[in-house]
């Protein structure tokens, strides 16, 4: 499992008539490497999606383009975000870490200000 601290994305123009199968790519980085530690590829609906893979130090996860908004939303709004890949099953994912309940944090700060 690895930590994602930064990302960049590319969205490609061209329909099925252009033989463009991959619509978008998201490269994910951590603070210790200049090259991506994980790349997510997003394919046209109905196209064959190749299996997930690992190449040296980079995990390659592949999704339908319909998953792109959920993936980018998670990267933009959640923290921390991790990726994982099982080389035996070829299953990979991204996930969030444990987050604080913001309502509890707000109530604790409110209580602290009252007690001062």
N, C-alpha and C. Protein backbone atom coordinates (compact mmCIF):
# COMPACT_ATOMS: atom_id res chain seq x y z
N UNK A 1 0.85 -1.17 0.00
CA UNK A 1 0.00 0.00 0.00
C UNK A 1 0.89 1.23 0.00
N UNK A 2 0.44 2.26 -0.71
CA UNK A 2 1.22 3.48 -0.79
C UNK A 2 0.35 4.71 -0.61
N UNK A 3 0.97 5.79 -0.24
CA UNK A 3 0.30 7.05 -0.01
C UNK A 3 0.32 7.90 -1.28
N UNK A 4 -0.81 8.54 -1.58
CA UNK A 4 -0.90 9.47 -2.70
C UNK A 4 -0.95 10.88 -2.11
N UNK A 5 0.03 11.73 -2.48
CA UNK A 5 0.05 13.10 -1.98
C UNK A 5 -0.21 14.15 -3.06
N UNK A 6 0.01 13.77 -4.32
CA UNK A 6 -0.20 14.69 -5.45
C UNK A 6 -0.72 13.90 -6.64
N UNK A 7 -1.32 14.60 -7.59
CA UNK A 7 -1.77 13.93 -8.80
C UNK A 7 -1.81 14.92 -9.95
N UNK A 8 -1.81 14.38 -11.16
CA UNK A 8 -2.03 15.16 -12.38
C UNK A 8 -2.95 14.33 -13.27
N UNK A 9 -3.72 15.01 -14.09
CA UNK A 9 -4.67 14.28 -14.93
C UNK A 9 -4.62 14.78 -16.37
N UNK A 10 -4.91 13.90 -17.28
CA UNK A 10 -5.01 14.21 -18.71
C UNK A 10 -6.31 13.60 -19.22
N UNK A 11 -7.04 14.38 -20.02
CA UNK A 11 -8.26 13.89 -20.66
C UNK A 11 -8.06 14.01 -22.16
N UNK A 12 -8.34 12.92 -22.89
CA UNK A 12 -8.06 12.86 -24.31
C UNK A 12 -9.32 13.04 -25.13
N UNK A 13 -9.22 13.75 -26.23
CA UNK A 13 -10.34 13.96 -27.15
C UNK A 13 -10.28 12.93 -28.26
N UNK A 14 -11.43 12.45 -28.66
CA UNK A 14 -11.51 11.48 -29.74
C UNK A 14 -12.48 10.38 -29.38
N UNK A 15 -13.31 10.02 -30.30
CA UNK A 15 -14.31 8.99 -30.06
C UNK A 15 -13.85 7.64 -30.55
N UNK A 16 -14.80 6.73 -30.65
CA UNK A 16 -14.48 5.37 -31.07
C UNK A 16 -13.94 5.33 -32.51
N UNK A 17 -14.35 6.31 -33.33
CA UNK A 17 -13.87 6.33 -34.71
C UNK A 17 -12.37 6.63 -34.79
N UNK A 18 -11.80 7.22 -33.73
CA UNK A 18 -10.37 7.52 -33.72
C UNK A 18 -9.54 6.37 -33.16
N UNK A 19 -10.23 5.28 -32.76
CA UNK A 19 -9.58 4.13 -32.13
C UNK A 19 -8.91 4.49 -30.80
N UNK A 20 -9.33 5.62 -30.23
CA UNK A 20 -8.84 6.01 -28.92
C UNK A 20 -9.62 5.23 -27.87
N UNK A 21 -8.95 4.36 -27.17
CA UNK A 21 -9.64 3.54 -26.17
C UNK A 21 -9.57 4.16 -24.78
N UNK A 22 -8.47 4.81 -24.47
CA UNK A 22 -8.28 5.39 -23.14
C UNK A 22 -8.67 6.87 -23.20
N UNK A 23 -9.68 7.24 -22.42
CA UNK A 23 -10.18 8.62 -22.41
C UNK A 23 -9.41 9.54 -21.47
N UNK A 24 -8.91 9.00 -20.36
CA UNK A 24 -8.27 9.84 -19.35
C UNK A 24 -7.23 9.03 -18.59
N UNK A 25 -6.26 9.76 -18.06
CA UNK A 25 -5.21 9.17 -17.23
C UNK A 25 -5.03 10.07 -16.02
N UNK A 26 -4.88 9.46 -14.86
CA UNK A 26 -4.52 10.19 -13.65
C UNK A 26 -3.23 9.59 -13.12
N UNK A 27 -2.18 10.39 -13.07
CA UNK A 27 -0.90 9.98 -12.49
C UNK A 27 -0.89 10.40 -11.03
N UNK A 28 -0.58 9.47 -10.14
CA UNK A 28 -0.56 9.74 -8.70
C UNK A 28 0.87 9.64 -8.19
N UNK A 29 1.23 10.57 -7.32
CA UNK A 29 2.59 10.68 -6.81
C UNK A 29 2.58 10.68 -5.28
N UNK A 30 3.75 10.40 -4.71
CA UNK A 30 3.93 10.68 -3.29
C UNK A 30 5.13 11.61 -3.17
N UNK A 31 5.37 12.12 -2.00
CA UNK A 31 6.41 13.14 -1.84
C UNK A 31 7.82 12.63 -2.04
N UNK A 32 8.01 11.33 -2.05
CA UNK A 32 9.36 10.79 -2.13
C UNK A 32 9.81 10.45 -3.55
N UNK A 33 8.91 10.52 -4.54
CA UNK A 33 9.28 10.16 -5.90
C UNK A 33 8.84 11.21 -6.90
N UNK A 34 9.64 11.38 -7.94
CA UNK A 34 9.30 12.32 -9.01
C UNK A 34 8.41 11.68 -10.07
N UNK A 35 8.49 10.36 -10.18
CA UNK A 35 7.69 9.65 -11.16
C UNK A 35 6.43 9.11 -10.48
N UNK A 36 5.38 8.83 -11.24
CA UNK A 36 4.15 8.33 -10.62
C UNK A 36 4.37 7.00 -9.89
N UNK A 37 3.70 6.86 -8.76
CA UNK A 37 3.71 5.59 -8.04
C UNK A 37 2.51 4.74 -8.45
N UNK A 38 1.50 5.43 -9.01
CA UNK A 38 0.30 4.73 -9.47
C UNK A 38 -0.31 5.55 -10.61
N UNK A 39 -0.77 4.87 -11.65
CA UNK A 39 -1.45 5.52 -12.76
C UNK A 39 -2.79 4.83 -12.96
N UNK A 40 -3.84 5.65 -13.05
CA UNK A 40 -5.19 5.14 -13.31
C UNK A 40 -5.54 5.48 -14.76
N UNK A 41 -5.95 4.46 -15.50
CA UNK A 41 -6.36 4.61 -16.90
C UNK A 41 -7.87 4.43 -16.97
N UNK A 42 -8.54 5.30 -17.73
CA UNK A 42 -10.01 5.26 -17.84
C UNK A 42 -10.39 5.04 -19.30
N UNK A 43 -11.16 3.97 -19.55
CA UNK A 43 -11.47 3.52 -20.90
C UNK A 43 -12.91 3.81 -21.29
N UNK A 44 -13.11 4.01 -22.61
CA UNK A 44 -14.46 4.17 -23.18
C UNK A 44 -15.38 3.06 -22.68
N UNK A 45 -16.63 3.40 -22.48
CA UNK A 45 -17.64 2.38 -22.17
C UNK A 45 -17.69 1.37 -23.32
N UNK A 46 -17.73 0.12 -22.99
CA UNK A 46 -17.85 -0.92 -24.00
C UNK A 46 -16.53 -1.44 -24.55
N UNK A 47 -15.43 -0.74 -24.28
CA UNK A 47 -14.13 -1.22 -24.75
C UNK A 47 -13.56 -2.23 -23.76
N UNK A 48 -12.72 -3.11 -24.25
CA UNK A 48 -12.03 -4.06 -23.40
C UNK A 48 -11.12 -3.29 -22.45
N UNK A 49 -11.20 -3.59 -21.16
CA UNK A 49 -10.34 -2.96 -20.18
C UNK A 49 -9.27 -3.98 -19.79
N UNK A 50 -8.00 -3.68 -20.09
CA UNK A 50 -6.92 -4.61 -19.77
C UNK A 50 -6.83 -4.84 -18.26
N UNK A 51 -6.18 -5.92 -17.85
CA UNK A 51 -6.03 -6.17 -16.41
C UNK A 51 -5.10 -5.15 -15.75
N UNK A 52 -5.28 -4.97 -14.46
CA UNK A 52 -4.38 -4.14 -13.68
C UNK A 52 -3.01 -4.79 -13.67
N UNK A 53 -1.98 -3.98 -13.45
CA UNK A 53 -0.63 -4.52 -13.48
C UNK A 53 0.31 -3.68 -12.62
N UNK A 54 1.50 -4.20 -12.46
CA UNK A 54 2.57 -3.46 -11.78
C UNK A 54 3.79 -3.49 -12.67
N UNK A 55 4.40 -2.34 -12.86
CA UNK A 55 5.60 -2.24 -13.68
C UNK A 55 6.68 -1.55 -12.85
N UNK A 56 7.67 -2.28 -12.46
CA UNK A 56 8.77 -1.80 -11.59
C UNK A 56 8.17 -1.17 -10.33
N UNK A 57 8.20 0.17 -10.22
CA UNK A 57 7.70 0.85 -9.02
C UNK A 57 6.35 1.52 -9.23
N UNK A 58 5.66 1.22 -10.33
CA UNK A 58 4.38 1.88 -10.60
C UNK A 58 3.27 0.85 -10.75
N UNK A 59 2.16 1.11 -10.07
CA UNK A 59 0.97 0.29 -10.20
C UNK A 59 0.09 0.93 -11.28
N UNK A 60 -0.46 0.10 -12.17
CA UNK A 60 -1.36 0.57 -13.23
C UNK A 60 -2.75 -0.01 -12.98
N UNK A 61 -3.69 0.87 -12.63
CA UNK A 61 -5.07 0.44 -12.41
C UNK A 61 -5.92 0.92 -13.57
N UNK A 62 -6.88 0.10 -13.97
CA UNK A 62 -7.70 0.42 -15.15
C UNK A 62 -9.18 0.40 -14.80
N UNK A 63 -9.89 1.42 -15.29
CA UNK A 63 -11.29 1.63 -14.94
C UNK A 63 -12.10 2.01 -16.18
N UNK A 64 -13.40 1.88 -16.07
CA UNK A 64 -14.31 2.44 -17.06
C UNK A 64 -14.34 3.95 -16.86
N UNK A 65 -14.55 4.69 -17.93
CA UNK A 65 -14.59 6.16 -17.86
C UNK A 65 -15.70 6.63 -16.91
N UNK A 66 -16.71 5.82 -16.69
CA UNK A 66 -17.79 6.21 -15.78
C UNK A 66 -17.29 6.34 -14.34
N UNK A 67 -16.15 5.74 -14.02
CA UNK A 67 -15.57 5.82 -12.68
C UNK A 67 -14.72 7.08 -12.47
N UNK A 68 -14.40 7.78 -13.55
CA UNK A 68 -13.51 8.95 -13.45
C UNK A 68 -14.00 10.01 -12.45
N UNK A 69 -15.26 10.44 -12.50
CA UNK A 69 -15.70 11.48 -11.56
C UNK A 69 -15.55 11.07 -10.10
N UNK A 70 -15.80 9.81 -9.80
CA UNK A 70 -15.68 9.34 -8.41
C UNK A 70 -14.22 9.32 -7.98
N UNK A 71 -13.36 8.89 -8.88
CA UNK A 71 -11.93 8.79 -8.59
C UNK A 71 -11.35 10.18 -8.33
N UNK A 72 -11.63 11.12 -9.22
CA UNK A 72 -11.07 12.47 -9.09
C UNK A 72 -11.66 13.17 -7.86
N UNK A 73 -12.93 12.91 -7.57
CA UNK A 73 -13.56 13.50 -6.39
C UNK A 73 -12.87 13.03 -5.11
N UNK A 74 -12.55 11.76 -5.05
CA UNK A 74 -11.87 11.22 -3.89
C UNK A 74 -10.49 11.87 -3.72
N UNK A 75 -9.76 12.04 -4.82
CA UNK A 75 -8.44 12.67 -4.74
C UNK A 75 -8.53 14.13 -4.31
N UNK A 76 -9.55 14.83 -4.79
CA UNK A 76 -9.69 16.25 -4.50
C UNK A 76 -10.17 16.54 -3.08
N UNK A 77 -11.02 15.68 -2.55
CA UNK A 77 -11.71 16.04 -1.31
C UNK A 77 -11.39 15.18 -0.09
N UNK A 78 -10.60 14.16 -0.25
CA UNK A 78 -10.30 13.28 0.88
C UNK A 78 -8.81 13.32 1.19
N UNK A 79 -8.51 13.07 2.45
CA UNK A 79 -7.12 13.02 2.86
C UNK A 79 -7.01 12.23 4.15
N UNK A 80 -6.09 11.33 4.27
CA UNK A 80 -5.14 10.86 3.27
C UNK A 80 -5.79 9.87 2.31
N UNK A 81 -5.16 9.69 1.14
CA UNK A 81 -5.60 8.72 0.14
C UNK A 81 -4.46 7.74 -0.12
N UNK A 82 -4.81 6.46 -0.15
CA UNK A 82 -3.85 5.38 -0.37
C UNK A 82 -4.24 4.57 -1.59
N UNK A 83 -3.26 3.91 -2.19
CA UNK A 83 -3.53 2.95 -3.26
C UNK A 83 -2.98 1.60 -2.84
N UNK A 84 -3.52 0.56 -3.45
CA UNK A 84 -3.02 -0.79 -3.18
C UNK A 84 -3.24 -1.66 -4.41
N UNK A 85 -2.44 -2.70 -4.50
CA UNK A 85 -2.54 -3.63 -5.63
C UNK A 85 -2.06 -5.00 -5.16
N UNK A 86 -2.84 -6.02 -5.47
CA UNK A 86 -2.48 -7.40 -5.16
C UNK A 86 -2.01 -8.05 -6.46
N UNK A 87 -0.74 -8.38 -6.53
CA UNK A 87 -0.18 -8.93 -7.77
C UNK A 87 -0.76 -10.30 -8.12
N UNK A 88 -1.17 -11.06 -7.13
CA UNK A 88 -1.74 -12.39 -7.38
C UNK A 88 -3.14 -12.28 -8.00
N UNK A 89 -4.02 -11.49 -7.38
CA UNK A 89 -5.41 -11.39 -7.86
C UNK A 89 -5.58 -10.32 -8.94
N UNK A 90 -4.61 -9.43 -9.08
CA UNK A 90 -4.66 -8.30 -10.02
C UNK A 90 -5.74 -7.28 -9.62
N UNK A 91 -6.15 -7.29 -8.36
CA UNK A 91 -7.13 -6.33 -7.87
C UNK A 91 -6.40 -5.16 -7.24
N UNK A 92 -6.81 -3.96 -7.61
CA UNK A 92 -6.23 -2.75 -7.05
C UNK A 92 -7.33 -1.79 -6.67
N UNK A 93 -6.98 -0.81 -5.85
CA UNK A 93 -7.97 0.17 -5.42
C UNK A 93 -7.28 1.39 -4.83
N UNK A 94 -8.06 2.47 -4.67
CA UNK A 94 -7.64 3.58 -3.85
C UNK A 94 -8.64 3.67 -2.70
N UNK A 95 -8.18 4.21 -1.58
CA UNK A 95 -9.04 4.32 -0.42
C UNK A 95 -8.59 5.49 0.43
N UNK A 96 -9.46 5.92 1.31
CA UNK A 96 -9.10 6.97 2.25
C UNK A 96 -8.61 6.35 3.54
N UNK A 97 -7.91 7.14 4.31
CA UNK A 97 -7.52 6.74 5.65
C UNK A 97 -8.63 7.16 6.61
N UNK A 98 -8.42 6.88 7.87
CA UNK A 98 -9.41 7.27 8.87
C UNK A 98 -9.41 8.79 9.00
N UNK A 99 -10.59 9.35 8.99
CA UNK A 99 -10.74 10.79 9.10
C UNK A 99 -11.50 11.14 10.37
N UNK A 100 -11.23 12.35 10.86
CA UNK A 100 -11.96 12.84 12.02
C UNK A 100 -13.37 13.21 11.62
N UNK A 101 -14.31 12.99 12.51
CA UNK A 101 -15.68 13.45 12.30
C UNK A 101 -15.67 14.95 12.52
N UNK A 102 -15.92 15.74 11.48
CA UNK A 102 -15.82 17.20 11.55
C UNK A 102 -16.80 17.80 12.55
N UNK A 103 -17.95 17.18 12.75
CA UNK A 103 -18.91 17.69 13.73
C UNK A 103 -18.33 17.57 15.13
N UNK A 104 -17.65 16.48 15.42
CA UNK A 104 -17.02 16.29 16.73
C UNK A 104 -15.91 17.31 16.93
N UNK A 105 -15.09 17.53 15.91
CA UNK A 105 -14.00 18.51 16.00
C UNK A 105 -14.58 19.89 16.27
N UNK A 106 -15.65 20.26 15.57
CA UNK A 106 -16.28 21.56 15.76
C UNK A 106 -16.80 21.71 17.19
N UNK A 107 -17.45 20.68 17.70
CA UNK A 107 -17.99 20.72 19.06
C UNK A 107 -16.88 20.81 20.09
N UNK A 108 -15.77 20.11 19.87
CA UNK A 108 -14.65 20.18 20.80
C UNK A 108 -14.05 21.59 20.83
N UNK A 109 -13.90 22.22 19.67
CA UNK A 109 -13.37 23.58 19.60
C UNK A 109 -14.33 24.57 20.26
N UNK A 110 -15.62 24.35 20.04
CA UNK A 110 -16.63 25.21 20.65
C UNK A 110 -16.57 25.08 22.17
N UNK A 111 -16.44 23.87 22.67
CA UNK A 111 -16.35 23.61 24.10
C UNK A 111 -15.08 24.23 24.68
N UNK A 112 -13.96 24.11 23.98
CA UNK A 112 -12.71 24.71 24.43
C UNK A 112 -12.84 26.22 24.58
N UNK A 113 -13.50 26.87 23.60
CA UNK A 113 -13.65 28.33 23.68
C UNK A 113 -14.56 28.74 24.82
N UNK A 114 -15.52 27.93 25.18
CA UNK A 114 -16.42 28.23 26.29
C UNK A 114 -15.68 28.09 27.62
N UNK A 115 -14.82 27.08 27.72
CA UNK A 115 -14.11 26.79 28.96
C UNK A 115 -12.96 27.76 29.24
N UNK A 116 -12.54 28.53 28.27
CA UNK A 116 -11.41 29.46 28.45
C UNK A 116 -11.78 30.63 29.31
